[in-house]
Protein backbone atom coordinates (compact mmCIF):
# COMPACT_ATOMS: atom_id res chain seq x y z
CA MET A 1 97.13 109.84 90.08
CA VAL A 2 94.85 106.74 90.75
CA THR A 3 91.42 107.35 91.48
CA ILE A 4 90.10 105.12 94.18
CA LEU A 5 86.70 106.15 94.54
CA HIS A 6 84.92 107.43 91.64
CA ARG A 7 81.66 109.55 91.81
CA GLN A 8 81.00 108.14 95.19
CA ARG A 9 78.00 109.59 97.51
CA TYR A 10 77.51 113.20 96.66
CA GLY A 11 79.75 112.87 93.54
CA TYR A 12 83.27 112.69 95.05
CA ASP A 13 86.56 111.47 93.53
CA VAL A 14 89.22 110.15 95.94
CA VAL A 15 92.47 109.94 94.48
CA ILE A 16 96.08 108.80 95.50
CA HIS A 17 98.82 110.57 93.69
CA THR A 18 101.44 108.07 92.84
CA ASN A 19 104.44 110.53 92.90
CA GLU A 20 103.92 111.79 96.47
CA HIS A 21 105.17 111.14 99.89
CA GLY A 22 103.89 110.22 103.55
CA PRO A 23 102.18 110.82 105.50
CA ALA A 24 99.42 108.71 104.10
CA HIS A 25 96.56 111.07 102.38
CA VAL A 26 94.29 111.12 99.95
CA HIS A 27 92.86 113.95 97.49
CA VAL A 28 89.11 114.58 97.26
CA PHE A 29 87.66 116.38 94.08
CA ARG A 30 84.49 117.89 93.23
CA GLY A 31 83.17 120.70 91.27
CA GLY A 32 86.82 122.12 90.64
CA LYS A 33 87.71 122.01 94.44
CA GLN A 34 90.13 119.74 95.96
CA LEU A 35 90.34 118.71 99.61
CA LYS A 36 93.46 117.00 101.16
CA ALA A 37 93.02 114.65 104.24
CA GLU A 38 95.56 112.56 106.16
CA LEU A 39 94.50 108.89 106.89
CA LEU A 40 96.31 108.18 110.01
CA PRO A 41 94.37 109.47 111.74
CA ILE A 42 91.64 110.83 109.48
CA ARG A 43 92.37 114.65 109.61
CA ILE A 44 91.29 117.23 106.93
CA VAL A 45 94.49 119.23 106.00
CA ASP A 46 93.22 121.68 103.56
CA ASN A 47 89.46 121.92 102.87
CA GLY A 48 90.20 123.23 99.52
CA GLY A 49 87.24 125.69 99.45
CA PHE A 50 84.85 123.17 100.31
CA ASN A 51 82.05 124.31 103.09
CA ASN A 52 81.48 122.83 106.59
CA ARG A 53 78.66 120.56 105.27
CA GLU A 54 80.53 119.16 102.40
CA THR A 55 83.54 118.71 104.70
CA ARG A 56 81.44 116.41 106.89
CA ARG A 57 80.46 114.62 104.18
CA ILE A 58 83.77 113.85 102.93
CA ARG A 59 85.20 113.12 106.25
CA THR A 60 82.43 110.39 106.47
CA LEU A 61 83.13 108.95 103.11
CA LEU A 62 86.60 108.70 104.26
CA GLU A 63 85.81 106.85 107.49
CA GLU A 64 83.61 104.56 105.60
CA HIS A 65 86.18 103.59 103.09
CA HIS A 66 89.27 104.00 105.46
CA ALA A 67 90.59 100.50 105.14
CA LEU A 68 90.36 100.59 101.41
CA LEU A 69 92.26 103.65 101.24
CA LEU A 70 95.23 102.60 103.39
CA ARG A 71 95.27 99.47 101.79
CA GLU A 72 95.84 101.36 98.55
CA TRP A 73 98.20 103.97 99.84
CA THR A 74 100.44 100.91 101.09
CA ARG A 75 100.03 99.29 97.50
CA LEU A 76 101.29 102.47 95.73
CA HIS A 77 103.75 103.71 98.28
CA GLY A 78 104.45 101.04 100.76
CA GLU A 79 104.37 101.19 104.30
């Protein structure tokens, strides 16, 4: 697991697991909750117990850092 964004806005950690497969996706952690989102396009796969407000915040965070997240996925997993 590689943390790409640590304690970003609102305290979310965004990670990519190194032992996973496509499609390109990230996991977002905070307060014992875990959300999974695909990156192409950004799509929440499992909100992991986050409420709608938090899910919108996380989506905005992923949109703001989309290029970085895709670059890191490719670096770790290839195309």
